[in-house]
């Protein structure tokens, strides 16, 4: 049975569709601040879901998304009826984000969390040159490319998949290291790494071949070193309708 007293915090993207849904749902189910709620319901697309998860990192409540955007890979179908029943029956998936520590040329450091991926991208006309180390051991002395990224299973169907990286099962405990337009080594597409791995990217010849780093769209320019590892202390709790969880979605994506 659903808890009729369940406190819901509705958050919506600024699109007209999401704002209209927000008005209808809050009128029907009430509205609470996220810090006083039992569950957060995000109305929008995948980008807004990532924003919501980042904004509620410090809160222990789960997040249930309803698609008012486009792809909606992290969202459930939009339906206004029986929301309390759906929340009560929902399956939970727990995601640990990646922690990025980016060092700029002036020695300053910027930290950020990424639920999908941390990516390094060339910021000039010439191909970038990277050295890659895993757990303190250099695994590739030089990767000449447009960029490289480290993706979580939850993010493996996003930018990683567009760069021809593998789709990872949500419970696989691995990360995908994927190159973008690798020129040397020829045809190198990347590697699968244990979830506990600590990856370090050193930008070679940064003055001539500048790079930027991004963590779920948060950008840091003029980086010379980027260190990435899973942050086991941060747990994002996502809710999905039964039979439509992340595991099923990842499987379905591979046969589409």
Protein backbone atom coordinates (compact mmCIF):
# COMPACT_ATOMS: atom_id res chain seq x y z
CA UNK A 1 0.00 0.00 0.00
CA UNK A 2 1.32 3.48 -0.74
CA UNK A 3 1.90 5.90 2.06
CA UNK A 4 -0.72 8.61 1.60
CA UNK A 5 1.33 10.89 3.86
CA UNK A 6 4.41 10.57 1.65
CA UNK A 7 6.03 13.96 1.18
CA UNK A 8 7.04 14.69 -2.40
CA UNK A 9 9.35 17.42 -3.66
CA UNK A 10 8.59 18.13 -7.31
CA UNK A 11 11.39 19.75 -9.33
CA UNK A 12 10.98 20.70 -12.99
CA UNK A 13 13.09 21.92 -15.87
CA UNK A 14 12.19 25.37 -17.27
CA UNK A 15 10.54 23.98 -20.42
CA UNK A 16 6.81 24.70 -20.88
CA UNK A 17 5.96 20.97 -20.79
CA UNK A 18 7.76 20.43 -17.51
CA UNK A 19 6.37 23.58 -15.91
CA UNK A 20 2.82 22.64 -16.90
CA UNK A 21 3.31 19.18 -15.39
CA UNK A 22 4.71 20.77 -12.22
CA UNK A 23 1.60 22.89 -11.78
CA UNK A 24 -0.76 19.94 -12.26
CA UNK A 25 1.15 17.51 -10.04
CA UNK A 26 1.72 19.90 -7.14
CA UNK A 27 -1.96 20.81 -7.23
CA UNK A 28 -2.83 17.15 -6.96
CA UNK A 29 -0.16 15.74 -4.62
CA UNK A 30 1.14 18.79 -2.75
CA UNK A 31 4.63 20.19 -2.62
CA UNK A 32 7.48 19.99 -0.10
CA UNK A 33 11.01 21.30 0.02
CA UNK A 34 13.59 18.63 -0.97
CA UNK A 35 15.17 18.63 2.48
CA UNK A 36 11.77 17.90 4.07
CA UNK A 37 10.60 15.34 1.50
CA UNK A 38 10.55 11.54 1.43
CA UNK A 39 11.19 11.46 -2.33
CA UNK A 40 12.15 13.89 -5.09
CA UNK A 41 10.23 13.69 -8.37
CA UNK A 42 12.14 15.26 -11.28
CA UNK A 43 10.21 16.45 -14.32
CA UNK A 44 12.30 16.92 -17.46
CA UNK A 45 14.85 15.01 -19.50
CA UNK A 46 18.11 13.24 -18.74
CA UNK A 47 20.01 16.51 -18.46
CA UNK A 48 17.62 17.79 -15.83
CA UNK A 49 17.84 14.48 -13.97
CA UNK A 50 21.62 14.91 -13.75
CA UNK A 51 21.13 18.47 -12.49
CA UNK A 52 18.67 17.22 -9.87
CA UNK A 53 20.99 14.47 -8.66
CA UNK A 54 23.89 16.90 -8.35
CA UNK A 55 21.70 19.43 -6.52
CA UNK A 56 20.47 16.81 -4.01
CA UNK A 57 23.79 15.02 -3.44
CA UNK A 58 23.74 15.82 0.28
CA UNK A 59 20.18 14.54 0.78
CA UNK A 60 19.40 10.87 1.59
CA UNK A 61 16.12 10.83 -0.35
CA UNK A 62 15.67 8.87 -3.61
CA UNK A 63 14.81 10.51 -6.93
CA UNK A 64 12.07 9.38 -9.31
CA UNK A 65 12.09 10.96 -12.74
CA UNK A 66 9.19 11.43 -15.16
CA UNK A 67 10.06 12.24 -18.74
CA UNK A 68 9.14 15.70 -19.95
CA UNK A 69 12.19 15.89 -22.22
CA UNK A 70 13.42 13.92 -25.21
CA UNK A 71 15.36 10.66 -24.70
CA UNK A 72 14.57 10.12 -21.02
CA UNK A 73 16.92 7.20 -20.45
CA UNK A 74 17.05 7.95 -16.73
CA UNK A 75 13.35 8.78 -16.53
CA UNK A 76 10.09 6.91 -16.15
CA UNK A 77 7.10 7.46 -18.41
CA UNK A 78 5.01 10.50 -17.59
CA UNK A 79 1.69 9.66 -16.02
CA UNK A 80 -0.20 11.78 -13.51
CA UNK A 81 -2.46 9.07 -12.09
CA UNK A 82 -1.51 6.67 -9.29
CA UNK A 83 1.83 8.37 -8.56
CA UNK A 84 1.83 7.22 -4.93
CA UNK A 85 1.36 3.61 -6.05
CA UNK A 86 4.19 3.93 -8.54
CA UNK A 87 6.54 5.38 -5.95
CA UNK A 88 5.69 2.61 -3.48
CA UNK A 89 6.34 -0.13 -6.07
CA UNK A 90 9.44 1.42 -7.63
CA UNK A 91 12.75 -0.43 -7.87
CA UNK A 92 15.84 1.34 -6.58
CA UNK A 93 19.23 1.59 -8.28
CA UNK A 94 22.21 3.05 -6.44
CA UNK A 95 24.86 4.91 -8.42
CA UNK A 96 28.28 6.07 -7.25
CA UNK A 97 29.59 9.07 -9.21
CA UNK A 98 33.12 9.73 -10.38
CA UNK A 99 35.22 12.33 -8.59
CA UNK A 100 37.35 14.52 -10.85
CA UNK A 101 40.34 16.51 -9.64
CA UNK A 102 41.55 18.75 -12.48
CA UNK A 103 44.84 20.65 -12.21
CA UNK A 104 45.29 23.78 -14.30
CA UNK A 105 48.50 25.14 -15.74
CA UNK A 106 48.76 27.68 -12.90
CA UNK A 107 48.70 24.87 -10.32
CA UNK A 108 45.13 25.51 -9.11
CA UNK A 109 42.81 22.53 -8.72
CA UNK A 110 39.10 22.09 -9.34
CA UNK A 111 37.04 19.20 -8.01
CA UNK A 112 33.71 18.00 -9.41
CA UNK A 113 31.46 14.93 -9.41
CA UNK A 114 30.23 13.18 -12.54
CA UNK A 115 27.34 10.73 -12.64
CA UNK A 116 27.80 9.95 -16.36
CA UNK A 117 31.40 10.62 -17.33
CA UNK A 118 34.53 12.70 -17.01
CA UNK A 119 35.86 13.71 -20.41
CA UNK A 120 38.96 15.47 -21.70
CA UNK A 121 38.56 17.35 -24.95
CA UNK A 122 40.98 19.21 -27.14
CA UNK A 123 40.56 22.99 -26.90
CA UNK A 124 42.56 23.98 -29.97
CA UNK A 125 42.97 23.13 -33.64
CA UNK A 126 45.56 20.38 -33.11
CA UNK A 127 45.04 16.86 -31.81
CA UNK A 128 45.72 16.40 -28.12
CA UNK A 129 48.44 14.25 -26.60
CA UNK A 130 47.69 12.36 -23.38
CA UNK A 131 49.61 10.03 -21.09
CA UNK A 132 47.36 7.61 -19.19
CA UNK A 133 48.16 5.95 -15.86
CA UNK A 134 45.97 3.49 -13.94
CA UNK A 135 46.58 3.02 -10.21
CA UNK A 136 49.92 4.76 -10.48
CA UNK A 137 51.22 2.67 -13.37
CA UNK A 138 51.61 4.21 -16.81
CA UNK A 139 49.54 2.19 -19.26
CA UNK A 140 49.88 4.40 -22.32
CA UNK A 141 52.81 6.72 -22.87
CA UNK A 142 51.06 8.72 -25.57
CA UNK A 143 47.52 8.83 -26.91
CA UNK A 144 47.05 11.25 -29.81
CA UNK A 145 43.34 11.99 -30.06
CA UNK A 146 40.52 14.51 -29.99
CA UNK A 147 39.82 13.45 -26.41
CA UNK A 148 39.18 10.63 -23.96
CA UNK A 149 36.59 9.88 -21.32
CA UNK A 150 35.95 7.66 -18.33
CA UNK A 151 32.30 6.59 -18.02
CA UNK A 152 30.23 4.90 -15.33
CA UNK A 153 27.76 2.12 -16.23
CA UNK A 154 24.91 4.62 -15.86
CA UNK A 155 26.65 6.96 -18.29
CA UNK A 156 27.84 4.33 -20.71
CA UNK A 157 24.88 4.91 -23.06
CA UNK A 158 25.52 8.66 -23.24
CA UNK A 159 28.67 10.35 -24.60
CA UNK A 160 30.62 7.11 -24.19
CA UNK A 161 28.28 5.23 -26.55
CA UNK A 162 28.42 8.03 -29.10
CA UNK A 163 32.22 7.68 -29.05
CA UNK A 164 31.81 3.94 -29.81
CA UNK A 165 32.47 2.86 -26.23
CA UNK A 166 30.80 -0.23 -24.72
CA UNK A 167 27.48 -0.31 -22.89
CA UNK A 168 28.12 -1.51 -19.33
CA UNK A 169 25.61 -3.47 -17.21
CA UNK A 170 24.68 -1.42 -14.16
CA UNK A 171 26.03 -4.04 -11.75
CA UNK A 172 29.24 -4.75 -13.65
CA UNK A 173 31.56 -2.85 -11.26
CA UNK A 174 33.63 -1.60 -14.19
CA UNK A 175 34.34 1.74 -15.88
CA UNK A 176 34.77 2.41 -19.59
CA UNK A 177 37.87 4.27 -20.74
CA UNK A 178 37.11 5.41 -24.29
CA UNK A 179 39.12 7.42 -26.81
CA UNK A 180 37.60 9.95 -29.17
CA UNK A 181 39.01 9.93 -32.70
CA UNK A 182 42.25 8.24 -31.67
CA UNK A 183 45.03 8.84 -34.23
CA UNK A 184 47.80 7.00 -32.42
CA UNK A 185 47.75 4.15 -31.44
CA UNK A 186 45.77 3.38 -34.55
CA UNK A 187 42.26 2.03 -33.97
CA UNK A 188 42.63 2.08 -30.16
CA UNK A 189 39.08 2.26 -28.80
CA UNK A 190 39.74 2.10 -25.08
CA UNK A 191 39.70 -0.29 -22.14
CA UNK A 192 37.51 -1.68 -19.37
CA UNK A 193 38.76 -0.87 -15.87
CA UNK A 194 37.73 -2.06 -12.40
CA UNK A 195 35.41 0.34 -10.63
CA UNK A 196 38.04 0.86 -7.92
CA UNK A 197 40.66 2.02 -10.45
CA UNK A 198 42.23 5.46 -10.14
CA UNK A 199 42.95 6.99 -13.54
CA UNK A 200 45.32 9.86 -14.23
CA UNK A 201 45.50 11.77 -17.51
CA UNK A 202 48.56 13.96 -18.10
CA UNK A 203 48.28 16.49 -20.91
CA UNK A 204 51.45 16.48 -22.97
CA UNK A 205 52.52 19.71 -24.67
CA UNK A 206 49.63 21.58 -23.04
CA UNK A 207 50.87 24.97 -24.23
CA UNK A 208 50.63 24.02 -27.88
CA UNK A 209 47.81 21.49 -27.59
CA UNK A 210 45.44 22.77 -24.86
CA UNK A 211 42.72 20.62 -23.36
CA UNK A 212 39.63 21.10 -21.25
CA UNK A 213 38.00 18.70 -18.80
CA UNK A 214 34.30 18.17 -18.22
CA UNK A 215 32.39 16.41 -15.46
CA UNK A 216 28.77 15.99 -16.57
CA UNK A 217 29.04 19.27 -18.48
CA UNK A 218 30.91 21.22 -15.78
CA UNK A 219 33.97 22.53 -17.65
CA UNK A 220 37.52 23.33 -16.57
CA UNK A 221 39.84 24.88 -19.16
CA UNK A 222 43.64 24.77 -19.56
CA UNK A 223 44.08 21.51 -17.65
CA UNK A 224 47.47 19.81 -17.42
CA UNK A 225 46.44 16.84 -15.28
CA UNK A 226 43.12 15.17 -14.49
CA UNK A 227 42.66 12.44 -11.86
CA UNK A 228 39.44 10.41 -11.76
CA UNK A 229 38.12 7.74 -9.38
CA UNK A 230 34.76 6.45 -8.17
CA UNK A 231 33.50 8.13 -5.01
CA UNK A 232 32.03 5.31 -2.92
CA UNK A 233 30.91 7.75 -0.21
CA UNK A 234 28.37 9.42 -2.51
CA UNK A 235 25.28 7.36 -3.30
CA UNK A 236 22.61 8.52 -5.72
CA UNK A 237 19.35 6.61 -5.31
CA UNK A 238 17.22 6.38 -8.47
CA UNK A 239 13.72 4.91 -8.59
CA UNK A 240 12.25 3.12 -11.61
CA UNK A 241 8.92 1.47 -12.38
CA UNK A 242 9.08 -2.36 -12.00
CA UNK A 243 10.52 -4.02 -15.09
CA UNK A 244 11.91 -0.72 -16.41
CA UNK A 245 15.00 -0.28 -14.24
CA UNK A 246 18.49 0.63 -15.41
CA UNK A 247 19.48 -3.01 -15.92
CA UNK A 248 16.59 -3.59 -18.31
CA UNK A 249 17.17 -0.28 -20.09
CA UNK A 250 20.84 -1.06 -20.68
CA UNK A 251 19.96 -4.48 -22.10
CA UNK A 252 17.23 -3.06 -24.30
CA UNK A 253 19.58 -0.39 -25.67
CA UNK A 254 21.95 -3.08 -26.96
CA UNK A 255 19.25 -4.79 -29.00
CA UNK A 256 17.70 -1.66 -30.49
